[in-house]
N, C-alpha and C. Protein backbone atom coordinates (compact mmCIF):
# COMPACT_ATOMS: atom_id res chain seq x y z
N MET A 1 -101.82 -87.65 -50.13
CA MET A 1 -101.43 -87.09 -48.80
C MET A 1 -102.39 -87.25 -47.57
N VAL A 2 -103.60 -86.83 -47.91
CA VAL A 2 -104.71 -86.28 -46.80
C VAL A 2 -104.94 -87.73 -46.63
N GLN A 3 -105.01 -88.52 -47.87
CA GLN A 3 -105.86 -89.65 -47.72
C GLN A 3 -104.94 -90.86 -46.81
N SER A 4 -103.83 -90.61 -46.80
CA SER A 4 -102.86 -91.82 -46.06
C SER A 4 -102.98 -91.24 -44.75
N GLN A 5 -103.06 -89.80 -44.49
CA GLN A 5 -102.74 -89.41 -42.90
C GLN A 5 -104.11 -89.66 -42.47
N LEU A 6 -105.56 -89.83 -43.06
CA LEU A 6 -106.60 -89.83 -42.49
C LEU A 6 -106.77 -91.18 -41.93
N VAL A 7 -106.16 -92.30 -43.23
CA VAL A 7 -106.16 -93.85 -43.20
C VAL A 7 -105.24 -93.98 -41.91
N GLN A 8 -104.20 -93.50 -41.70
CA GLN A 8 -103.45 -93.36 -40.68
C GLN A 8 -104.28 -93.10 -39.14
N LEU A 9 -104.86 -91.71 -39.16
CA LEU A 9 -105.60 -91.62 -37.94
C LEU A 9 -106.55 -92.55 -37.45
N VAL A 10 -107.05 -93.03 -38.37
CA VAL A 10 -107.94 -93.98 -38.19
C VAL A 10 -107.88 -95.37 -37.85
N ASN A 11 -106.67 -95.61 -38.29
CA ASN A 11 -106.13 -96.66 -37.77
C ASN A 11 -105.57 -96.93 -36.42
N TRP A 12 -105.00 -95.57 -35.93
CA TRP A 12 -104.61 -95.54 -34.71
C TRP A 12 -106.01 -95.23 -33.80
N PHE A 13 -106.89 -94.88 -33.99
CA PHE A 13 -108.21 -94.62 -33.04
C PHE A 13 -108.51 -95.71 -32.70
N PHE A 14 -108.75 -96.49 -33.82
CA PHE A 14 -109.02 -98.11 -33.47
C PHE A 14 -108.13 -99.17 -32.94
N ILE A 15 -107.04 -98.60 -32.87
CA ILE A 15 -105.93 -99.45 -32.20
C ILE A 15 -105.86 -99.15 -30.63
N ILE A 16 -106.20 -98.19 -30.26
CA ILE A 16 -106.23 -97.49 -29.12
C ILE A 16 -107.61 -98.06 -28.56
N LEU A 17 -108.58 -98.09 -29.12
CA LEU A 17 -109.59 -98.70 -28.56
C LEU A 17 -109.73 -99.99 -28.22
N ARG A 18 -109.25 -100.77 -29.34
CA ARG A 18 -108.46 -102.33 -28.97
C ARG A 18 -107.97 -102.66 -27.53
N TRP A 19 -106.89 -101.43 -27.45
CA TRP A 19 -105.67 -101.67 -26.66
C TRP A 19 -106.34 -101.36 -24.96
N MET A 20 -107.31 -100.39 -25.35
CA MET A 20 -108.41 -99.76 -24.02
C MET A 20 -109.13 -101.29 -23.45
N ILE A 21 -109.64 -101.55 -24.58
CA ILE A 21 -110.40 -103.01 -24.38
C ILE A 21 -109.55 -104.53 -23.35
N LEU A 22 -108.43 -104.60 -24.38
CA LEU A 22 -107.58 -105.48 -23.64
C LEU A 22 -107.45 -104.66 -21.99
N ALA A 23 -106.94 -103.68 -22.06
CA ALA A 23 -106.55 -103.04 -20.68
C ALA A 23 -107.73 -103.56 -19.51
N ARG A 24 -108.98 -103.05 -19.92
CA ARG A 24 -110.06 -103.43 -19.34
C ARG A 24 -110.28 -104.79 -19.06
N ILE A 25 -110.18 -105.65 -19.83
CA ILE A 25 -109.96 -107.44 -19.46
C ILE A 25 -108.87 -107.51 -18.21
N LEU A 26 -107.87 -107.26 -18.27
CA LEU A 26 -106.85 -107.47 -17.53
C LEU A 26 -107.08 -106.84 -16.05
N MET A 27 -107.65 -105.44 -16.28
CA MET A 27 -107.97 -105.02 -14.73
C MET A 27 -109.17 -105.75 -14.37
N SER A 28 -110.03 -106.41 -14.95
CA SER A 28 -111.18 -107.07 -14.31
C SER A 28 -110.46 -108.26 -13.42
N TRP A 29 -109.64 -108.79 -13.65
CA TRP A 29 -108.75 -109.83 -13.07
C TRP A 29 -108.48 -109.03 -11.67
N ILE A 30 -108.12 -107.92 -11.38
CA ILE A 30 -107.33 -107.40 -10.00
C ILE A 30 -108.40 -106.70 -9.57
N PRO A 31 -108.37 -106.95 -8.33
CA PRO A 31 -109.33 -106.36 -7.00
C PRO A 31 -108.81 -104.99 -7.06
N ASN A 32 -110.10 -104.11 -6.92
CA ASN A 32 -109.89 -102.94 -6.50
C ASN A 32 -109.24 -102.15 -7.71
N SER A 33 -109.31 -102.44 -8.99
CA SER A 33 -108.52 -101.74 -9.88
C SER A 33 -109.36 -100.70 -10.73
N ARG A 34 -110.33 -100.47 -10.25
CA ARG A 34 -110.89 -99.18 -10.53
C ARG A 34 -111.00 -97.88 -9.77
N ASN A 35 -110.31 -97.96 -8.71
CA ASN A 35 -109.74 -96.89 -7.93
C ASN A 35 -109.03 -95.85 -8.36
N ASN A 36 -108.28 -96.00 -9.57
CA ASN A 36 -107.51 -94.51 -10.08
C ASN A 36 -108.36 -93.76 -11.26
N ALA A 37 -107.39 -93.09 -11.49
CA ALA A 37 -108.20 -92.02 -12.77
C ALA A 37 -108.05 -92.55 -14.12
N VAL A 38 -106.91 -93.42 -13.91
CA VAL A 38 -106.53 -93.72 -15.50
C VAL A 38 -107.68 -95.17 -15.65
N ALA A 39 -107.84 -96.18 -14.64
CA ALA A 39 -108.86 -97.00 -15.03
C ALA A 39 -110.25 -96.48 -15.20
N GLN A 40 -110.58 -95.35 -14.33
CA GLN A 40 -111.84 -94.86 -14.70
C GLN A 40 -112.07 -94.53 -15.75
N PHE A 41 -110.79 -93.81 -16.73
CA PHE A 41 -110.83 -93.48 -17.86
C PHE A 41 -110.92 -94.66 -18.75
N ILE A 42 -110.41 -95.82 -18.35
CA ILE A 42 -110.34 -96.81 -19.58
C ILE A 42 -111.99 -97.71 -19.21
N TYR A 43 -112.70 -97.39 -18.31
CA TYR A 43 -114.12 -97.90 -17.98
C TYR A 43 -115.16 -96.92 -18.90
N GLU A 44 -114.93 -95.94 -18.44
CA GLU A 44 -115.72 -94.71 -19.09
C GLU A 44 -115.56 -94.97 -20.67
N GLY A 45 -114.44 -95.16 -21.02
CA GLY A 45 -114.01 -94.93 -22.72
C GLY A 45 -114.52 -96.29 -23.20
N THR A 46 -114.81 -97.23 -22.46
CA THR A 46 -114.82 -98.49 -23.21
C THR A 46 -116.38 -99.14 -23.08
N GLU A 47 -116.68 -98.55 -21.73
CA GLU A 47 -118.42 -99.04 -21.62
C GLU A 47 -119.44 -98.68 -22.80
N PRO A 48 -119.54 -97.55 -23.38
CA PRO A 48 -120.20 -97.51 -24.66
C PRO A 48 -119.92 -98.60 -25.82
N ILE A 49 -118.75 -99.18 -25.78
CA ILE A 49 -118.32 -100.13 -26.91
C ILE A 49 -118.93 -101.26 -26.19
N LEU A 50 -118.68 -101.69 -25.34
CA LEU A 50 -118.91 -102.83 -24.48
C LEU A 50 -120.91 -103.12 -24.27
N ALA A 51 -121.23 -102.33 -23.91
CA ALA A 51 -122.78 -102.64 -23.21
C ALA A 51 -123.73 -102.96 -24.75
N PRO A 52 -123.53 -102.36 -25.76
CA PRO A 52 -124.50 -103.07 -26.49
C PRO A 52 -123.90 -104.24 -26.84
N PHE A 53 -122.93 -104.85 -26.86
CA PHE A 53 -122.38 -106.31 -27.28
C PHE A 53 -122.87 -107.12 -25.97
N ARG A 54 -123.11 -106.44 -24.66
CA ARG A 54 -123.72 -107.46 -23.55
C ARG A 54 -125.14 -107.25 -23.45
N LYS A 55 -125.48 -106.53 -24.07
CA LYS A 55 -126.99 -106.74 -24.18
C LYS A 55 -127.43 -107.77 -25.06
N LEU A 56 -126.83 -107.92 -26.35
CA LEU A 56 -127.01 -109.01 -27.04
C LEU A 56 -126.62 -110.70 -26.65
N MET A 57 -125.56 -110.54 -25.51
CA MET A 57 -125.41 -111.93 -24.72
C MET A 57 -126.32 -112.41 -23.99
N PRO A 58 -126.74 -113.84 -24.24
CA PRO A 58 -127.75 -114.34 -23.35
C PRO A 58 -127.09 -114.11 -21.74
N LYS A 59 -127.88 -113.63 -20.86
CA LYS A 59 -127.78 -113.65 -19.62
C LYS A 59 -127.94 -115.12 -18.73
N GLY A 60 -126.81 -115.48 -17.92
CA GLY A 60 -126.77 -116.60 -17.07
C GLY A 60 -126.22 -117.56 -17.70
N ALA A 61 -126.38 -117.74 -19.07
CA ALA A 61 -125.93 -119.07 -19.68
C ALA A 61 -124.50 -119.20 -19.50
N MET A 62 -124.03 -118.14 -19.77
CA MET A 62 -122.32 -117.99 -19.51
C MET A 62 -121.88 -117.68 -18.69
N PRO A 63 -120.95 -118.27 -18.09
CA PRO A 63 -120.35 -117.46 -16.67
C PRO A 63 -119.42 -116.21 -17.17
N LEU A 64 -118.89 -116.48 -18.06
CA LEU A 64 -117.62 -115.28 -18.63
C LEU A 64 -118.51 -114.27 -19.34
N ASP A 65 -117.86 -113.33 -19.68
CA ASP A 65 -118.25 -112.01 -20.41
C ASP A 65 -117.49 -112.02 -21.46
N PHE A 66 -118.15 -112.34 -22.88
CA PHE A 66 -117.21 -112.51 -24.12
C PHE A 66 -117.52 -111.08 -24.99
N SER A 67 -118.18 -110.24 -24.30
CA SER A 67 -118.26 -109.14 -24.73
C SER A 67 -117.35 -108.20 -25.64
N PRO A 68 -116.29 -107.93 -24.87
CA PRO A 68 -114.90 -107.73 -24.98
C PRO A 68 -114.23 -108.34 -26.30
N ILE A 69 -114.30 -109.63 -26.40
CA ILE A 69 -113.74 -110.20 -27.40
C ILE A 69 -114.70 -110.20 -28.88
N ILE A 70 -115.88 -109.81 -28.56
CA ILE A 70 -116.99 -109.85 -29.53
C ILE A 70 -116.74 -108.16 -30.23
N ALA A 71 -116.33 -107.13 -29.57
CA ALA A 71 -116.25 -105.81 -29.56
C ALA A 71 -114.98 -105.65 -30.02
N ILE A 72 -114.11 -106.50 -30.00
CA ILE A 72 -112.73 -106.24 -30.41
C ILE A 72 -112.57 -106.58 -32.07
N ILE A 73 -113.44 -107.93 -32.20
CA ILE A 73 -113.84 -108.09 -33.92
C ILE A 73 -114.71 -107.08 -34.45
N ALA A 74 -115.57 -106.96 -33.88
CA ALA A 74 -116.41 -105.98 -34.56
C ALA A 74 -115.55 -104.72 -34.90
N LEU A 75 -114.88 -104.22 -34.00
CA LEU A 75 -114.14 -102.91 -34.20
C LEU A 75 -113.08 -103.52 -35.25
N HIS A 76 -112.46 -104.32 -35.22
CA HIS A 76 -111.56 -104.68 -36.69
C HIS A 76 -112.19 -104.68 -37.45
N LEU A 77 -113.36 -105.07 -37.72
CA LEU A 77 -114.36 -105.17 -39.16
C LEU A 77 -114.67 -103.60 -39.35
N ILE A 78 -115.26 -103.10 -38.50
CA ILE A 78 -115.49 -101.85 -38.76
C ILE A 78 -114.34 -100.53 -39.18
N ASN A 79 -113.12 -101.04 -38.69
CA ASN A 79 -111.67 -100.61 -39.09
C ASN A 79 -111.67 -100.63 -40.45
N GLY A 80 -111.56 -101.74 -40.79
CA GLY A 80 -111.24 -102.21 -42.41
C GLY A 80 -112.47 -101.55 -43.25
N VAL A 81 -113.61 -101.51 -42.78
CA VAL A 81 -114.78 -100.70 -43.59
C VAL A 81 -114.64 -99.48 -44.05
N VAL A 82 -114.27 -98.66 -42.73
CA VAL A 82 -113.84 -97.21 -42.83
C VAL A 82 -112.84 -97.02 -43.51
N VAL A 83 -111.83 -97.54 -43.31
CA VAL A 83 -110.38 -97.37 -44.18
C VAL A 83 -110.89 -97.37 -45.40
N THR A 84 -111.42 -98.80 -46.23
CA THR A 84 -111.87 -99.15 -47.44
C THR A 84 -112.83 -98.11 -48.14
N MET A 85 -113.59 -97.25 -47.29
CA MET A 85 -114.47 -96.27 -47.61
C MET A 85 -113.60 -95.03 -47.95
N ILE A 86 -112.64 -94.87 -47.07
CA ILE A 86 -111.48 -93.72 -47.22
C ILE A 86 -110.88 -93.91 -48.34
N ARG A 87 -110.37 -95.05 -48.69
CA ARG A 87 -109.39 -95.31 -49.99
C ARG A 87 -110.19 -95.18 -51.37
N THR A 88 -111.66 -95.81 -50.86
CA THR A 88 -112.34 -95.30 -52.15
C THR A 88 -113.05 -94.09 -52.75
N TYR A 89 -113.45 -93.40 -51.56
CA TYR A 89 -114.18 -92.28 -51.90
C TYR A 89 -113.21 -90.84 -51.76
N LEU A 90 -111.99 -90.93 -51.41
CA LEU A 90 -111.15 -89.91 -51.13
C LEU A 90 -110.07 -89.58 -52.04
């Protein structure tokens, strides 16, 4: 019982993170979209996740920022690992 609730909580956490990154991608296409509280919350919540991936990307070689895509893939993999660990050890 506790195991399934914990798995569900972890899954929801990672789903919310992925949706926040997708929202940030969409907001990057809209000028002046960072001027409200919701946008600032999304930027501040996703920047610690995206910054390490941005550092791994070569500078100037690509005109597009692929760090959100890589972060979403990494979050999906980490989600799977955490859920597997919960199911195995609890």
